[in-house]
Amino acid sequence: MMRTKIISPTPTRLELDTSIAIVNVVLLLILFFLATGQLLNSTETEILPPTTTDLPFSQLPSPLLQITDDGQTWQYNGNPIDPTFLGTAIEQDDNGVSILHVMIDGDRPVHDLLELLERPELEGIEIRLVTLHQGARS
């Protein structure tokens, strides 16, 4: 009788798929650089409000709406005006206002300027902010 020898199959080597590991490392690097880039580049900038001084009215652009530091005193083209009559003053302007220059004190809260811009009588009028150099003299 002949003996048969059973040959066991040779074990196959399992090859590791490194592509998943590489993708994970790349994604982690991207996440790391995004996070550190935002942390390093997030420098706070300080915005200083414009400084205004009094100038002769002849040197200022026209038409000009000036709002003083208390926010209650308005002047339109150098004449005192009640804020409720701004629309009437604009309509009575001889030049037909399409651009309104606004000079508001730098110490006023920003919501004062936003409230001014939301007024219905200023719809369709281009608003330009006027600031004066700190060293300006009358």
Protein backbone atom coordinates (compact mmCIF):
# COMPACT_ATOMS: atom_id res chain seq x y z
CA MET A 1 0.00 0.00 0.00
CA MET A 2 1.18 3.26 -0.91
CA ARG A 3 1.18 6.04 1.41
CA THR A 4 -0.09 9.31 0.17
CA LYS A 5 1.14 12.31 1.74
CA ILE A 6 -1.31 15.15 2.02
CA ILE A 7 0.36 18.36 1.15
CA SER A 8 -1.04 21.27 2.96
CA PRO A 9 -1.57 24.34 0.88
CA THR A 10 1.07 26.98 1.28
CA PRO A 11 -0.18 29.84 3.33
CA THR A 12 -0.86 32.88 1.22
CA ARG A 13 0.58 36.08 2.39
CA LEU A 14 -1.84 38.78 3.20
CA GLU A 15 -0.71 42.05 1.72
CA LEU A 16 -1.68 45.08 3.66
CA ASP A 17 -3.50 47.79 1.79
CA THR A 18 -1.57 50.93 2.71
CA SER A 19 -3.70 53.26 0.64
CA ILE A 20 -6.23 53.68 3.45
CA ALA A 21 -3.48 54.55 5.90
CA ILE A 22 -1.98 57.08 3.47
CA VAL A 23 -5.36 58.72 2.90
CA ASN A 24 -5.92 58.93 6.67
CA VAL A 25 -2.53 60.56 7.21
CA VAL A 26 -3.10 63.07 4.41
CA LEU A 27 -6.53 64.00 5.75
CA LEU A 28 -5.12 64.43 9.25
CA LEU A 29 -2.37 66.67 7.89
CA ILE A 30 -4.89 68.79 6.01
CA LEU A 31 -7.03 69.10 9.13
CA PHE A 32 -3.97 70.00 11.19
CA PHE A 33 -2.84 72.73 8.78
CA LEU A 34 -6.33 74.17 8.50
CA ALA A 35 -6.69 74.34 12.26
CA THR A 36 -3.26 75.82 12.95
CA GLY A 37 -3.48 78.18 10.00
CA GLN A 38 -6.67 79.70 11.39
CA LEU A 39 -5.17 79.98 14.84
CA LEU A 40 -1.97 81.59 13.67
CA ASN A 41 -3.58 83.98 11.20
CA SER A 42 -6.36 85.17 13.48
CA THR A 43 -4.76 88.43 14.55
CA GLU A 44 -7.22 90.95 15.83
CA THR A 45 -7.18 94.25 14.02
CA GLU A 46 -8.24 97.37 15.77
CA ILE A 47 -10.41 99.72 13.77
CA LEU A 48 -10.32 103.28 14.94
CA PRO A 49 -13.24 105.57 14.12
CA PRO A 50 -12.53 108.56 11.92
CA THR A 51 -11.59 111.77 13.66
CA THR A 52 -13.46 114.88 12.61
CA THR A 53 -12.70 118.53 13.18
CA ASP A 54 -14.51 121.70 12.26
CA LEU A 55 -13.75 123.12 8.85
CA PRO A 56 -15.26 126.06 7.01
CA PHE A 57 -18.38 124.91 5.21
CA SER A 58 -16.93 126.05 1.87
CA GLN A 59 -14.29 123.31 2.04
CA LEU A 60 -16.79 120.50 2.56
CA PRO A 61 -18.58 118.63 -0.26
CA SER A 62 -22.19 119.46 -1.03
CA PRO A 63 -24.88 118.39 -0.25
CA LEU A 64 -23.64 117.50 3.21
CA LEU A 65 -25.48 116.10 6.20
CA GLN A 66 -23.51 116.66 9.40
CA ILE A 67 -24.41 114.73 12.54
CA THR A 68 -22.64 115.99 15.63
CA ASP A 69 -21.28 114.06 18.57
CA ASP A 70 -24.57 114.12 20.51
CA GLY A 71 -26.42 112.63 17.54
CA GLN A 72 -29.34 115.05 17.93
CA THR A 73 -27.89 118.09 16.15
CA TRP A 74 -28.10 117.71 12.39
CA GLN A 75 -27.05 120.21 9.75
CA TYR A 76 -27.94 119.98 6.07
CA ASN A 77 -25.65 122.12 3.91
CA GLY A 78 -24.64 124.12 6.98
CA ASN A 79 -28.19 124.85 8.16
CA PRO A 80 -29.60 123.24 11.31
CA ILE A 81 -32.33 120.74 10.53
CA ASP A 82 -34.68 118.56 12.52
CA PRO A 83 -34.02 114.89 11.63
CA THR A 84 -37.71 114.37 10.86
CA PHE A 85 -37.54 116.99 8.05
CA LEU A 86 -34.56 115.52 6.21
CA GLY A 87 -36.72 114.30 3.33
CA THR A 88 -38.23 117.80 2.88
CA ALA A 89 -34.78 119.41 2.84
CA ILE A 90 -33.54 116.95 0.23
CA GLU A 91 -36.61 117.54 -1.98
CA GLN A 92 -36.16 121.32 -1.78
CA ASP A 93 -32.50 121.14 -2.79
CA ASP A 94 -32.03 123.00 -6.07
CA ASN A 95 -29.44 120.60 -7.49
CA GLY A 96 -31.58 117.45 -7.33
CA VAL A 97 -29.77 115.25 -4.83
CA SER A 98 -28.41 111.96 -6.16
CA ILE A 99 -25.39 111.86 -3.84
CA LEU A 100 -25.55 112.79 -0.17
CA HIS A 101 -22.34 113.26 1.75
CA VAL A 102 -22.67 112.29 5.40
CA MET A 103 -20.25 113.40 8.08
CA ILE A 104 -20.92 111.72 11.39
CA ASP A 105 -18.72 112.00 14.45
CA GLY A 106 -16.42 109.02 14.91
CA ASP A 107 -17.56 108.57 18.51
CA ARG A 108 -21.16 107.87 17.51
CA PRO A 109 -22.33 104.23 17.70
CA VAL A 110 -22.55 102.46 14.36
CA HIS A 111 -26.28 101.83 14.78
CA ASP A 112 -26.83 105.61 14.40
CA LEU A 113 -25.33 105.43 10.92
CA LEU A 114 -27.29 102.27 10.09
CA GLU A 115 -30.55 103.90 11.20
CA LEU A 116 -29.76 106.86 8.95
CA LEU A 117 -29.11 104.58 5.96
CA GLU A 118 -32.45 102.79 6.50
CA ARG A 119 -34.48 106.01 6.25
CA PRO A 120 -36.98 105.82 3.37
CA GLU A 121 -36.23 109.34 2.14
CA LEU A 122 -32.67 108.25 1.32
CA GLU A 123 -33.79 105.43 -0.96
CA GLY A 124 -32.14 105.77 -4.36
CA ILE A 125 -29.59 108.29 -3.09
CA GLU A 126 -25.92 107.36 -3.04
CA ILE A 127 -24.45 107.91 0.42
CA ARG A 128 -20.79 108.87 0.77
CA LEU A 129 -19.14 109.10 4.16
CA VAL A 130 -16.95 112.13 4.70
CA THR A 131 -14.06 111.96 7.12
CA LEU A 132 -11.57 114.67 7.90
CA HIS A 133 -7.89 114.23 8.55
CA GLN A 134 -7.01 114.68 12.22
CA GLY A 135 -4.56 117.46 11.40
CA ALA A 136 -7.13 119.48 9.42
CA ARG A 137 -7.45 123.09 10.52
CA SER A 138 -10.03 125.75 9.79
